[in-house]
Amino acid sequence: MGTKDTVIKLHNTKTRKKEVFEPIDASNVRMYVCGPTVYDRAHLGNARPVVVFDVLYRLLREVYGADHVTYARNFTDVDDKINARAAESGRPIGAITAETTQWFLDDMGELGALEPSHMPRATEYIPQMVAMIEDLIAKGHAYAAEGHVLFAVDSWKDRYGSLSGRSVDDMIAGARVEVAPYKKNPMDFVLWKPSTDDLPGWDSPWGRGRPGWHIECSAMSYELLGETFDIHGGGNDLMFPHHENEIAQSCCAHPEGDFARFWLHNEMLQVEGKKMSKSLGNFFTVRDLLDQGYPGEVIRLVFLQTHYRKPMDWTDRKAKEAEATLRKWRALTAGIEPASSAAAAVLEALADDLNSAGAIAELHKLAAAGDAAGLLASAQMLGLLTDELGGWASAPSIDLSAFAEKLFETRQKAMESKDFSEVDRLKAAYVEAGLEVRMSKTGVELVPGAGFDPAKLEAL
C-alpha cells in the first residue's frame, strides 16, 4: 500500500551517494525536469528521461498522493537550433515550435507518459528571465558587455563545478568554451544575447535580444516551484554545463534557498550495442519506431528493464521479448479488476533508487504465481497494462497457418516452374507485415515479431 511511510532512497548526484528522500513539504512534493528543445522529432534517447522521470512521478504520486506532487517539465522554444531550422526550411519559427511541441506530447503519450502538472514554454517567461538577470547584475554576479549579459563565474568560483565534480581550472582546460573578447573569464556564460531583426527578440535593458539557454530553466523553476524544491532531473549529458550553470544562477539570485535538494541523472541510450548516430544508420526517432509497428507499451517496457543510472541498449530482440511478455500479461489480466494497490515488493523495488528492473522482475513473479489482480495494479503503477496503451494487443488474432500453407504451396510450384517471383512477393509482404519467415524443405513457419500488423496480411 503506497503511504507516506514508504522510505524512498534516491542517488543524489550532488552528494554522489544514495540518500533517504524526505520532501520539504509532503503536501507538495516538487520536481523539475529539463524538457526538449522543440525543433524536430524526439529521438529514442530523448524519450529515456521522459520515461524515467514519469516512473518517479508515478512513485511519488503513489506514496504522497496524486494531489500532493507538482511536476514541471519545460519546452525550450527559443534557441539557435530552432532559428537554424526556420532559416533552412523557410517556415515561421512559431509554426515549427507549435508543431514539434505537439509531436513531442503525442509521441510521449504513446509511451504512456503522464503529462506533468506544468509544461512551461520559455517564451512565456521572458519577463521573469529579464528580472532574474537584472538581479544577478545588481548582486555582482553578472555584467553587461556589447549587448550581451554574462554570468561572472569568478563570483561563484568556490562552488562552481560542485555538481559535476570539476574545478574551474579543469573546466577551462577541458571545455570547448566560446571565446569572445567581451568575456572577463573564458568560462563566463551568456544570460542574454542580442537579436537581429530576423530573429526572435524582446526588449530589455540591454537592448533587443533573447535569453541564453541556462537562465530559462532557472527562471521557470523559480516561478513554478519556488527558490528551493525537492528534485531536479535530466540526462547526464546536461550535468555540465547546463545544470551547473542553473545552480550558479539560481543560488546567486536566491542565496537564501537551496535550489534543488536532489539531483537525478539518467544514463544514455545505445542501439544494438552502439552509440546512436545518423552516420551509423541507427538513429531512430520515437515516431520512427511507432511507425515501424513497435507499440509504445513495448518501447516503455524495454526502457524499464534497465536501471536508469546504467546505459540502456535498445535491441530488436529485447523488443520482441517485451512484446511477448506484455501479450502474456494482458491475457492473464483480461477482465480482471486490479488490486487496491501495487504489490509491496514492486513498490519496495521502485523506492530503492527507482529500480525499475527490479520492479519488472517482481511483476514476473506475480504473473508466475497467478496473481492477476496484483500484477495489474502493480504494472499500472509503472504505466503498463493500462487501457490507454492496450490497443495494439487487442487487435484481432489471425490464423497464420493458412498464410504459411499458401507460401509453402507457392514455393513448391516455383520449384517446378523455376519462377520464384510470386514466392518473393509473398515473402516480402509477410516480412512487411512484421512476420519472421522460416522456410524449410518440409514447410513454412511464420513468427510474429515486434510490430506485427495482421491488417497487412488480411489485405493480401
Foldseek 3Di string as FASTA:
>chain_A
DAELPDWFWAQFLLVRGIDTADWPDLQAAEEEEEAEAQQDFAWLQNLLVLLLVLLVLLLSCSRSNNNRYAYEYEYELADVVLVVSCVVVVDDSVVRRVVRVVNHVVLSVLLLRDDGNYYYYLVVQQVLLLVLLVLCVVLVQWDDDPLWIWGNCVVVQVCQCSSVVDHPVRCVVPDPFDDDPRDPDSPIDTQWHADDPSGDWDQHPSGTTDGDPQSSSLSVCCVPPNLEHEEYEYAPVCSPPRVSVSQVSSCSSPVVYRHYPGYYHFYGEAEPPHRDDVVVVRIGGSVRLVVLQFGSNLSSVQSLLDQRNDYGYDYQVSSQVSVVVQLLLCVLQVPHAADPAADPQLSSCCSHNHNSSSNVVVLVVCVVVSVSNNSCRSQVSSSHPDPSRCPSSPPDDDDCPVLFVVLLVLVVVCVVVVDCPVNVVSVVLLVSQQWDWDDDPVTIDTHHGRRHHVVSVVVD
